[in-house]
Amino acid sequence: ESVSRSRILIDSRYDATPDGGAAAFIAPFKQKVDSVMSPVVGRT
């Protein structure tokens, strides 16, 4: 019946006031992921 669209601008303003609760929830998972993903295996 209809089609509409709009753009959502994602820029630095979204980082200005981070959600503390969301950051706290993610923190333990991020630490575990970083421990697996961060080790250096070589150089280019």
ModelCIF file with pLDDT and N, C-alpha, C, O atoms, coordinates in Angstrom:
data_MODEL
#
_entry.id   MODEL 
#
_entity.id                         1 
_entity.type                       polymer 
_entity.pdbx_number_of_molecules   1 
#
_entity_poly.entity_id                      1 
_entity_poly.type                           'polypeptide(L)' 
_entity_poly.nstd_linkage                   no 
_entity_poly.nstd_monomer                   no 
_entity_poly.pdbx_seq_one_letter_code       ESVSRSRILIDSRYDATPDGGAAAFIAPFKQKVDSVMSPVVGRT 
_entity_poly.pdbx_seq_one_letter_code_can   ESVSRSRILIDSRYDATPDGGAAAFIAPFKQKVDSVMSPVVGRT 
_entity_poly.pdbx_strand_id                 A 
#
loop_
_entity_poly_seq.entity_id 
_entity_poly_seq.num 
_entity_poly_seq.mon_id 
_entity_poly_seq.hetero 
1 1  GLU n 
1 2  SER n 
1 3  VAL n 
1 4  SER n 
1 5  ARG n 
1 6  SER n 
1 7  ARG n 
1 8  ILE n 
1 9  LEU n 
1 10 ILE n 
1 11 ASP n 
1 12 SER n 
1 13 ARG n 
1 14 TYR n 
1 15 ASP n 
1 16 ALA n 
1 17 THR n 
1 18 PRO n 
1 19 ASP n 
1 20 GLY n 
1 21 GLY n 
1 22 ALA n 
1 23 ALA n 
1 24 ALA n 
1 25 PHE n 
1 26 ILE n 
1 27 ALA n 
1 28 PRO n 
1 29 PHE n 
1 30 LYS n 
1 31 GLN n 
1 32 LYS n 
1 33 VAL n 
1 34 ASP n 
1 35 SER n 
1 36 VAL n 
1 37 MET n 
1 38 SER n 
1 39 PRO n 
1 40 VAL n 
1 41 VAL n 
1 42 GLY n 
1 43 ARG n 
1 44 THR n 
#
_struct_asym.id          A 
_struct_asym.entity_id   1 
#
loop_
_ma_qa_metric.id 
_ma_qa_metric.mode 
_ma_qa_metric.name 
_ma_qa_metric.software_group_id 
_ma_qa_metric.type 
1 global pLDDT . pLDDT 
2 local  pLDDT . pLDDT 
#
_ma_qa_metric_global.metric_id      1 
_ma_qa_metric_global.metric_value   81.39 
_ma_qa_metric_global.model_id       1 
_ma_qa_metric_global.ordinal_id     1 
#
loop_
_ma_qa_metric_local.label_asym_id 
_ma_qa_metric_local.label_comp_id 
_ma_qa_metric_local.label_seq_id 
_ma_qa_metric_local.metric_id 
_ma_qa_metric_local.metric_value 
_ma_qa_metric_local.model_id 
_ma_qa_metric_local.ordinal_id 
A GLU 1  2 86.00 1 1  
A SER 2  2 87.00 1 2  
A VAL 3  2 88.00 1 3  
A SER 4  2 86.00 1 4  
A ARG 5  2 85.00 1 5  
A SER 6  2 84.00 1 6  
A ARG 7  2 81.00 1 7  
A ILE 8  2 77.00 1 8  
A LEU 9  2 78.00 1 9  
A ILE 10 2 74.00 1 10 
A ASP 11 2 76.00 1 11 
A SER 12 2 75.00 1 12 
A ARG 13 2 73.00 1 13 
A TYR 14 2 70.00 1 14 
A ASP 15 2 73.00 1 15 
A ALA 16 2 75.00 1 16 
A THR 17 2 78.00 1 17 
A PRO 18 2 77.00 1 18 
A ASP 19 2 80.00 1 19 
A GLY 20 2 82.00 1 20 
A GLY 21 2 84.00 1 21 
A ALA 22 2 82.00 1 22 
A ALA 23 2 79.00 1 23 
A ALA 24 2 83.00 1 24 
A PHE 25 2 83.00 1 25 
A ILE 26 2 82.00 1 26 
A ALA 27 2 78.00 1 27 
A PRO 28 2 80.00 1 28 
A PHE 29 2 81.00 1 29 
A LYS 30 2 74.00 1 30 
A GLN 31 2 73.00 1 31 
A LYS 32 2 73.00 1 32 
A VAL 33 2 78.00 1 33 
A ASP 34 2 75.00 1 34 
A SER 35 2 71.00 1 35 
A VAL 36 2 73.00 1 36 
A MET 37 2 81.00 1 37 
A SER 38 2 88.00 1 38 
A PRO 39 2 92.00 1 39 
A VAL 40 2 96.00 1 40 
A VAL 41 2 97.00 1 41 
A GLY 42 2 97.00 1 42 
A ARG 43 2 98.00 1 43 
A THR 44 2 98.00 1 44 
#
loop_
_atom_site.group_PDB 
_atom_site.id 
_atom_site.type_symbol 
_atom_site.label_atom_id 
_atom_site.label_alt_id 
_atom_site.label_comp_id 
_atom_site.label_asym_id 
_atom_site.label_entity_id 
_atom_site.label_seq_id 
_atom_site.pdbx_PDB_ins_code 
_atom_site.Cartn_x 
_atom_site.Cartn_y 
_atom_site.Cartn_z 
_atom_site.occupancy 
_atom_site.B_iso_or_equiv 
_atom_site.pdbx_formal_charge 
_atom_site.auth_seq_id 
_atom_site.auth_comp_id 
_atom_site.auth_asym_id 
_atom_site.auth_atom_id 
_atom_site.pdbx_PDB_model_num 
ATOM 1   N N  . GLU A 1 1  ? 0.804  -1.215  0.000  1.00 86.00 ? 1  GLU A N  1 
ATOM 2   C CA . GLU A 1 1  ? 0.000  0.000   0.000  1.00 86.00 ? 1  GLU A CA 1 
ATOM 3   C C  . GLU A 1 1  ? 0.836  1.263   0.000  1.00 86.00 ? 1  GLU A C  1 
ATOM 4   O O  . GLU A 1 1  ? 0.433  2.278   -0.569 1.00 86.00 ? 1  GLU A O  1 
ATOM 5   N N  . SER A 1 2  ? 2.011  1.208   0.642  1.00 87.00 ? 2  SER A N  1 
ATOM 6   C CA . SER A 1 2  ? 2.843  2.410   0.655  1.00 87.00 ? 2  SER A CA 1 
ATOM 7   C C  . SER A 1 2  ? 4.279  2.053   1.003  1.00 87.00 ? 2  SER A C  1 
ATOM 8   O O  . SER A 1 2  ? 4.546  1.024   1.625  1.00 87.00 ? 2  SER A O  1 
ATOM 9   N N  . VAL A 1 3  ? 5.187  2.910   0.598  1.00 88.00 ? 3  VAL A N  1 
ATOM 10  C CA . VAL A 1 3  ? 6.603  2.772   0.908  1.00 88.00 ? 3  VAL A CA 1 
ATOM 11  C C  . VAL A 1 3  ? 7.116  4.128   1.363  1.00 88.00 ? 3  VAL A C  1 
ATOM 12  O O  . VAL A 1 3  ? 6.896  5.135   0.690  1.00 88.00 ? 3  VAL A O  1 
ATOM 13  N N  . SER A 1 4  ? 7.791  4.160   2.488  1.00 86.00 ? 4  SER A N  1 
ATOM 14  C CA . SER A 1 4  ? 8.420  5.404   2.938  1.00 86.00 ? 4  SER A CA 1 
ATOM 15  C C  . SER A 1 4  ? 9.757  5.068   3.556  1.00 86.00 ? 4  SER A C  1 
ATOM 16  O O  . SER A 1 4  ? 9.987  3.935   3.980  1.00 86.00 ? 4  SER A O  1 
ATOM 17  N N  . ARG A 1 5  ? 10.626 6.034   3.606  1.00 85.00 ? 5  ARG A N  1 
ATOM 18  C CA . ARG A 1 5  ? 11.944 5.798   4.178  1.00 85.00 ? 5  ARG A CA 1 
ATOM 19  C C  . ARG A 1 5  ? 12.492 7.091   4.756  1.00 85.00 ? 5  ARG A C  1 
ATOM 20  O O  . ARG A 1 5  ? 12.044 8.186   4.417  1.00 85.00 ? 5  ARG A O  1 
ATOM 21  N N  . SER A 1 6  ? 13.479 6.936   5.641  1.00 84.00 ? 6  SER A N  1 
ATOM 22  C CA . SER A 1 6  ? 14.160 8.094   6.212  1.00 84.00 ? 6  SER A CA 1 
ATOM 23  C C  . SER A 1 6  ? 15.574 7.693   6.571  1.00 84.00 ? 6  SER A C  1 
ATOM 24  O O  . SER A 1 6  ? 15.876 6.505   6.686  1.00 84.00 ? 6  SER A O  1 
ATOM 25  N N  . ARG A 1 7  ? 16.442 8.677   6.748  1.00 81.00 ? 7  ARG A N  1 
ATOM 26  C CA . ARG A 1 7  ? 17.826 8.430   7.123  1.00 81.00 ? 7  ARG A CA 1 
ATOM 27  C C  . ARG A 1 7  ? 18.028 8.713   8.606  1.00 81.00 ? 7  ARG A C  1 
ATOM 28  O O  . ARG A 1 7  ? 17.480 9.676   9.142  1.00 81.00 ? 7  ARG A O  1 
ATOM 29  N N  . ILE A 1 8  ? 18.808 7.878   9.257  1.00 77.00 ? 8  ILE A N  1 
ATOM 30  C CA . ILE A 1 8  ? 19.183 8.109   10.646 1.00 77.00 ? 8  ILE A CA 1 
ATOM 31  C C  . ILE A 1 8  ? 20.678 8.381   10.683 1.00 77.00 ? 8  ILE A C  1 
ATOM 32  O O  . ILE A 1 8  ? 21.479 7.495   10.382 1.00 77.00 ? 8  ILE A O  1 
ATOM 33  N N  . LEU A 1 9  ? 21.054 9.579   11.042 1.00 78.00 ? 9  LEU A N  1 
ATOM 34  C CA . LEU A 1 9  ? 22.457 9.967   11.076 1.00 78.00 ? 9  LEU A CA 1 
ATOM 35  C C  . LEU A 1 9  ? 23.125 9.401   12.325 1.00 78.00 ? 9  LEU A C  1 
ATOM 36  O O  . LEU A 1 9  ? 22.690 9.671   13.444 1.00 78.00 ? 9  LEU A O  1 
ATOM 37  N N  . ILE A 1 10 ? 24.173 8.622   12.132 1.00 74.00 ? 10 ILE A N  1 
ATOM 38  C CA . ILE A 1 10 ? 24.951 8.081   13.244 1.00 74.00 ? 10 ILE A CA 1 
ATOM 39  C C  . ILE A 1 10 ? 26.289 8.811   13.269 1.00 74.00 ? 10 ILE A C  1 
ATOM 40  O O  . ILE A 1 10 ? 27.110 8.631   12.370 1.00 74.00 ? 10 ILE A O  1 
ATOM 41  N N  . ASP A 1 11 ? 26.512 9.623   14.279 1.00 76.00 ? 11 ASP A N  1 
ATOM 42  C CA . ASP A 1 11 ? 27.774 10.354  14.374 1.00 76.00 ? 11 ASP A CA 1 
ATOM 43  C C  . ASP A 1 11 ? 28.219 10.423  15.835 1.00 76.00 ? 11 ASP A C  1 
ATOM 44  O O  . ASP A 1 11 ? 27.679 9.719   16.688 1.00 76.00 ? 11 ASP A O  1 
ATOM 45  N N  . SER A 1 12 ? 29.209 11.277  16.117 1.00 75.00 ? 12 SER A N  1 
ATOM 46  C CA . SER A 1 12 ? 29.829 11.318  17.443 1.00 75.00 ? 12 SER A CA 1 
ATOM 47  C C  . SER A 1 12 ? 28.861 11.733  18.547 1.00 75.00 ? 12 SER A C  1 
ATOM 48  O O  . SER A 1 12 ? 29.138 11.498  19.723 1.00 75.00 ? 12 SER A O  1 
ATOM 49  N N  . ARG A 1 13 ? 27.740 12.341  18.196 1.00 73.00 ? 13 ARG A N  1 
ATOM 50  C CA . ARG A 1 13 ? 26.791 12.752  19.227 1.00 73.00 ? 13 ARG A CA 1 
ATOM 51  C C  . ARG A 1 13 ? 26.230 11.568  20.001 1.00 73.00 ? 13 ARG A C  1 
ATOM 52  O O  . ARG A 1 13 ? 25.829 11.703  21.157 1.00 73.00 ? 13 ARG A O  1 
ATOM 53  N N  . TYR A 1 14 ? 26.206 10.397  19.349 1.00 70.00 ? 14 TYR A N  1 
ATOM 54  C CA . TYR A 1 14 ? 25.675 9.224   20.033 1.00 70.00 ? 14 TYR A CA 1 
ATOM 55  C C  . TYR A 1 14 ? 26.640 8.702   21.095 1.00 70.00 ? 14 TYR A C  1 
ATOM 56  O O  . TYR A 1 14 ? 26.244 7.915   21.955 1.00 70.00 ? 14 TYR A O  1 
ATOM 57  N N  . ASP A 1 15 ? 27.897 9.129   21.045 1.00 73.00 ? 15 ASP A N  1 
ATOM 58  C CA . ASP A 1 15 ? 28.882 8.718   22.043 1.00 73.00 ? 15 ASP A CA 1 
ATOM 59  C C  . ASP A 1 15 ? 28.978 9.713   23.199 1.00 73.00 ? 15 ASP A C  1 
ATOM 60  O O  . ASP A 1 15 ? 29.653 9.442   24.192 1.00 73.00 ? 15 ASP A O  1 
ATOM 61  N N  . ALA A 1 16 ? 28.319 10.848  23.081 1.00 75.00 ? 16 ALA A N  1 
ATOM 62  C CA . ALA A 1 16 ? 28.470 11.905  24.084 1.00 75.00 ? 16 ALA A CA 1 
ATOM 63  C C  . ALA A 1 16 ? 27.824 11.541  25.418 1.00 75.00 ? 16 ALA A C  1 
ATOM 64  O O  . ALA A 1 16 ? 28.329 11.920  26.475 1.00 75.00 ? 16 ALA A O  1 
ATOM 65  N N  . THR A 1 17 ? 26.723 10.817  25.377 1.00 78.00 ? 17 THR A N  1 
ATOM 66  C CA . THR A 1 17 ? 26.019 10.438  26.616 1.00 78.00 ? 17 THR A CA 1 
ATOM 67  C C  . THR A 1 17 ? 25.748 8.937   26.606 1.00 78.00 ? 17 THR A C  1 
ATOM 68  O O  . THR A 1 17 ? 24.611 8.510   26.405 1.00 78.00 ? 17 THR A O  1 
ATOM 69  N N  . PRO A 1 18 ? 26.786 8.141   26.822 1.00 77.00 ? 18 PRO A N  1 
ATOM 70  C CA . PRO A 1 18 ? 26.600 6.684   26.782 1.00 77.00 ? 18 PRO A CA 1 
ATOM 71  C C  . PRO A 1 18 ? 25.693 6.201   27.902 1.00 77.00 ? 18 PRO A C  1 
ATOM 72  O O  . PRO A 1 18 ? 25.614 6.805   28.972 1.00 77.00 ? 18 PRO A O  1 
ATOM 73  N N  . ASP A 1 19 ? 25.018 5.107   27.630 1.00 80.00 ? 19 ASP A N  1 
ATOM 74  C CA . ASP A 1 19 ? 24.125 4.499   28.612 1.00 80.00 ? 19 ASP A CA 1 
ATOM 75  C C  . ASP A 1 19 ? 24.964 3.688   29.599 1.00 80.00 ? 19 ASP A C  1 
ATOM 76  O O  . ASP A 1 19 ? 25.518 2.649   29.242 1.00 80.00 ? 19 ASP A O  1 
ATOM 77  N N  . GLY A 1 20 ? 25.053 4.160   30.822 1.00 82.00 ? 20 GLY A N  1 
ATOM 78  C CA . GLY A 1 20 ? 25.884 3.496   31.826 1.00 82.00 ? 20 GLY A CA 1 
ATOM 79  C C  . GLY A 1 20 ? 25.429 2.088   32.126 1.00 82.00 ? 20 GLY A C  1 
ATOM 80  O O  . GLY A 1 20 ? 26.254 1.195   32.319 1.00 82.00 ? 20 GLY A O  1 
ATOM 81  N N  . GLY A 1 21 ? 24.119 1.876   32.169 1.00 84.00 ? 21 GLY A N  1 
ATOM 82  C CA . GLY A 1 21 ? 23.601 0.542   32.449 1.00 84.00 ? 21 GLY A CA 1 
ATOM 83  C C  . GLY A 1 21 ? 23.964 -0.449  31.371 1.00 84.00 ? 21 GLY A C  1 
ATOM 84  O O  . GLY A 1 21 ? 24.338 -1.587  31.656 1.00 84.00 ? 21 GLY A O  1 
ATOM 85  N N  . ALA A 1 22 ? 23.851 -0.009  30.118 1.00 82.00 ? 22 ALA A N  1 
ATOM 86  C CA . ALA A 1 22 ? 24.203 -0.887  28.997 1.00 82.00 ? 22 ALA A CA 1 
ATOM 87  C C  . ALA A 1 22 ? 25.691 -1.202  29.014 1.00 82.00 ? 22 ALA A C  1 
ATOM 88  O O  . ALA A 1 22 ? 26.094 -2.340  28.774 1.00 82.00 ? 22 ALA A O  1 
ATOM 89  N N  . ALA A 1 23 ? 26.517 -0.177  29.304 1.00 79.00 ? 23 ALA A N  1 
ATOM 90  C CA . ALA A 1 23 ? 27.968 -0.390  29.350 1.00 79.00 ? 23 ALA A CA 1 
ATOM 91  C C  . ALA A 1 23 ? 28.341 -1.373  30.445 1.00 79.00 ? 23 ALA A C  1 
ATOM 92  O O  . ALA A 1 23 ? 29.221 -2.213  30.257 1.00 79.00 ? 23 ALA A O  1 
ATOM 93  N N  . ALA A 1 24 ? 27.676 -1.275  31.587 1.00 83.00 ? 24 ALA A N  1 
ATOM 94  C CA . ALA A 1 24 ? 27.958 -2.191  32.699 1.00 83.00 ? 24 ALA A CA 1 
ATOM 95  C C  . ALA A 1 24 ? 27.547 -3.614  32.361 1.00 83.00 ? 24 ALA A C  1 
ATOM 96  O O  . ALA A 1 24 ? 28.220 -4.575  32.735 1.00 83.00 ? 24 ALA A O  1 
ATOM 97  N N  . PHE A 1 25 ? 26.433 -3.739  31.648 1.00 83.00 ? 25 PHE A N  1 
ATOM 98  C CA . PHE A 1 25 ? 25.958 -5.070  31.256 1.00 83.00 ? 25 PHE A CA 1 
ATOM 99  C C  . PHE A 1 25 ? 26.926 -5.738  30.284 1.00 83.00 ? 25 PHE A C  1 
ATOM 100 O O  . PHE A 1 25 ? 27.181 -6.939  30.366 1.00 83.00 ? 25 PHE A O  1 
ATOM 101 N N  . ILE A 1 26 ? 27.459 -4.936  29.362 1.00 82.00 ? 26 ILE A N  1 
ATOM 102 C CA . ILE A 1 26 ? 28.343 -5.475  28.321 1.00 82.00 ? 26 ILE A CA 1 
ATOM 103 C C  . ILE A 1 26 ? 29.743 -5.747  28.846 1.00 82.00 ? 26 ILE A C  1 
ATOM 104 O O  . ILE A 1 26 ? 30.430 -6.629  28.329 1.00 82.00 ? 26 ILE A O  1 
ATOM 105 N N  . ALA A 1 27 ? 30.180 -5.015  29.857 1.00 78.00 ? 27 ALA A N  1 
ATOM 106 C CA . ALA A 1 27 ? 31.581 -5.049  30.306 1.00 78.00 ? 27 ALA A CA 1 
ATOM 107 C C  . ALA A 1 27 ? 32.147 -6.449  30.522 1.00 78.00 ? 27 ALA A C  1 
ATOM 108 O O  . ALA A 1 27 ? 33.222 -6.733  29.994 1.00 78.00 ? 27 ALA A O  1 
ATOM 109 N N  . PRO A 1 28 ? 31.483 -7.356  31.277 1.00 80.00 ? 28 PRO A N  1 
ATOM 110 C CA . PRO A 1 28 ? 32.094 -8.678  31.490 1.00 80.00 ? 28 PRO A CA 1 
ATOM 111 C C  . PRO A 1 28 ? 32.219 -9.495  30.215 1.00 80.00 ? 28 PRO A C  1 
ATOM 112 O O  . PRO A 1 28 ? 33.163 -10.269 30.057 1.00 80.00 ? 28 PRO A O  1 
ATOM 113 N N  . PHE A 1 29 ? 31.259 -9.321  29.301 1.00 81.00 ? 29 PHE A N  1 
ATOM 114 C CA . PHE A 1 29 ? 31.326 -10.040 28.024 1.00 81.00 ? 29 PHE A CA 1 
ATOM 115 C C  . PHE A 1 29 ? 32.449 -9.473  27.159 1.00 81.00 ? 29 PHE A C  1 
ATOM 116 O O  . PHE A 1 29 ? 33.178 -10.215 26.500 1.00 81.00 ? 29 PHE A O  1 
ATOM 117 N N  . LYS A 1 30 ? 32.577 -8.135  27.173 1.00 74.00 ? 30 LYS A N  1 
ATOM 118 C CA . LYS A 1 30 ? 33.625 -7.485  26.380 1.00 74.00 ? 30 LYS A CA 1 
ATOM 119 C C  . LYS A 1 30 ? 34.999 -7.936  26.848 1.00 74.00 ? 30 LYS A C  1 
ATOM 120 O O  . LYS A 1 30 ? 35.886 -8.184  26.032 1.00 74.00 ? 30 LYS A O  1 
ATOM 121 N N  . GLN A 1 31 ? 35.178 -8.044  28.158 1.00 73.00 ? 31 GLN A N  1 
ATOM 122 C CA . GLN A 1 31 ? 36.466 -8.467  28.699 1.00 73.00 ? 31 GLN A CA 1 
ATOM 123 C C  . GLN A 1 31 ? 36.824 -9.878  28.227 1.00 73.00 ? 31 GLN A C  1 
ATOM 124 O O  . GLN A 1 31 ? 37.972 -10.158 27.885 1.00 73.00 ? 31 GLN A O  1 
ATOM 125 N N  . LYS A 1 32 ? 35.829 -10.751 28.215 1.00 73.00 ? 32 LYS A N  1 
ATOM 126 C CA . LYS A 1 32 ? 36.083 -12.123 27.780 1.00 73.00 ? 32 LYS A CA 1 
ATOM 127 C C  . LYS A 1 32 ? 36.389 -12.184 26.291 1.00 73.00 ? 32 LYS A C  1 
ATOM 128 O O  . LYS A 1 32 ? 37.308 -12.886 25.867 1.00 73.00 ? 32 LYS A O  1 
ATOM 129 N N  . VAL A 1 33 ? 35.611 -11.443 25.493 1.00 78.00 ? 33 VAL A N  1 
ATOM 130 C CA . VAL A 1 33 ? 35.840 -11.423 24.047 1.00 78.00 ? 33 VAL A CA 1 
ATOM 131 C C  . VAL A 1 33 ? 37.214 -10.851 23.733 1.00 78.00 ? 33 VAL A C  1 
ATOM 132 O O  . VAL A 1 33 ? 37.949 -11.398 22.911 1.00 78.00 ? 33 VAL A O  1 
ATOM 133 N N  . ASP A 1 34 ? 37.561 -9.733  24.399 1.00 75.00 ? 34 ASP A N  1 
ATOM 134 C CA . ASP A 1 34 ? 38.858 -9.101  24.149 1.00 75.00 ? 34 ASP A CA 1 
ATOM 135 C C  . ASP A 1 34 ? 40.013 -10.035 24.503 1.00 75.00 ? 34 ASP A C  1 
ATOM 136 O O  . ASP A 1 34 ? 41.052 -10.010 23.843 1.00 75.00 ? 34 ASP A O  1 
ATOM 137 N N  . SER A 1 35 ? 39.842 -10.854 25.533 1.00 71.00 ? 35 SER A N  1 
ATOM 138 C CA . SER A 1 35 ? 40.915 -11.763 25.934 1.00 71.00 ? 35 SER A CA 1 
ATOM 139 C C  . SER A 1 35 ? 41.192 -12.811 24.861 1.00 71.00 ? 35 SER A C  1 
ATOM 140 O O  . SER A 1 35 ? 42.311 -13.310 24.744 1.00 71.00 ? 35 SER A O  1 
ATOM 141 N N  . VAL A 1 36 ? 40.164 -13.140 24.080 1.00 73.00 ? 36 VAL A N  1 
ATOM 142 C CA . VAL A 1 36 ? 40.324 -14.118 22.994 1.00 73.00 ? 36 VAL A CA 1 
ATOM 143 C C  . VAL A 1 36 ? 40.800 -13.449 21.717 1.00 73.00 ? 36 VAL A C  1 
ATOM 144 O O  . VAL A 1 36 ? 41.667 -13.977 21.021 1.00 73.00 ? 36 VAL A O  1 
ATOM 145 N N  . MET A 1 37 ? 40.238 -12.290 21.407 1.00 81.00 ? 37 MET A N  1 
ATOM 146 C CA . MET A 1 37 ? 40.470 -11.648 20.116 1.00 81.00 ? 37 MET A CA 1 
ATOM 147 C C  . MET A 1 37 ? 41.731 -10.792 20.060 1.00 81.00 ? 37 MET A C  1 
ATOM 148 O O  . MET A 1 37 ? 42.252 -10.543 18.972 1.00 81.00 ? 37 MET A O  1 
ATOM 149 N N  . SER A 1 38 ? 42.230 -10.340 21.199 1.00 88.00 ? 38 SER A N  1 
ATOM 150 C CA . SER A 1 38 ? 43.300 -9.338  21.203 1.00 88.00 ? 38 SER A CA 1 
ATOM 151 C C  . SER A 1 38 ? 44.722 -9.858  21.053 1.00 88.00 ? 38 SER A C  1 
ATOM 152 O O  . SER A 1 38 ? 45.580 -9.091  20.617 1.00 88.00 ? 38 SER A O  1 
ATOM 153 N N  . PRO A 1 39 ? 45.036 -11.122 21.388 1.00 92.00 ? 39 PRO A N  1 
ATOM 154 C CA . PRO A 1 39 ? 46.428 -11.554 21.265 1.00 92.00 ? 39 PRO A CA 1 
ATOM 155 C C  . PRO A 1 39 ? 46.990 -11.355 19.859 1.00 92.00 ? 39 PRO A C  1 
ATOM 156 O O  . PRO A 1 39 ? 46.344 -11.686 18.865 1.00 92.00 ? 39 PRO A O  1 
ATOM 157 N N  . VAL A 1 40 ? 48.201 -10.811 19.796 1.00 96.00 ? 40 VAL A N  1 
ATOM 158 C CA . VAL A 1 40 ? 48.866 -10.553 18.518 1.00 96.00 ? 40 VAL A CA 1 
ATOM 159 C C  . VAL A 1 40 ? 49.502 -11.849 18.019 1.00 96.00 ? 40 VAL A C  1 
ATOM 160 O O  . VAL A 1 40 ? 50.190 -12.539 18.771 1.00 96.00 ? 40 VAL A O  1 
ATOM 161 N N  . VAL A 1 41 ? 49.269 -12.174 16.748 1.00 97.00 ? 41 VAL A N  1 
ATOM 162 C CA . VAL A 1 41 ? 49.813 -13.405 16.164 1.00 97.00 ? 41 VAL A CA 1 
ATOM 163 C C  . VAL A 1 41 ? 50.940 -13.111 15.175 1.00 97.00 ? 41 VAL A C  1 
ATOM 164 O O  . VAL A 1 41 ? 51.650 -14.029 14.763 1.00 97.00 ? 41 VAL A O  1 
ATOM 165 N N  . GLY A 1 42 ? 51.112 -11.849 14.791 1.00 97.00 ? 42 GLY A N  1 
ATOM 166 C CA . GLY A 1 42 ? 52.164 -11.503 13.849 1.00 97.00 ? 42 GLY A CA 1 
ATOM 167 C C  . GLY A 1 42 ? 52.041 -10.058 13.420 1.00 97.00 ? 42 GLY A C  1 
ATOM 168 O O  . GLY A 1 42 ? 51.264 -9.290  13.987 1.00 97.00 ? 42 GLY A O  1 
ATOM 169 N N  . ARG A 1 43 ? 52.826 -9.694  12.400 1.00 98.00 ? 43 ARG A N  1 
ATOM 170 C CA . ARG A 1 43 ? 52.812 -8.327  11.878 1.00 98.00 ? 43 ARG A CA 1 
ATOM 171 C C  . ARG A 1 43 ? 52.795 -8.345  10.352 1.00 98.00 ? 43 ARG A C  1 
ATOM 172 O O  . ARG A 1 43 ? 53.323 -9.259  9.719  1.00 98.00 ? 43 ARG A O  1 
ATOM 173 N N  . THR A 1 44 ? 52.181 -7.323  9.784  1.00 98.00 ? 44 THR A N  1 
ATOM 174 C CA . THR A 1 44 ? 52.198 -7.158  8.333  1.00 98.00 ? 44 THR A CA 1 
ATOM 175 C C  . THR A 1 44 ? 53.049 -5.945  7.971  1.00 98.00 ? 44 THR A C  1 
ATOM 176 O O  . THR A 1 44 ? 53.197 -5.625  6.791  1.00 98.00 ? 44 THR A O  1 
#
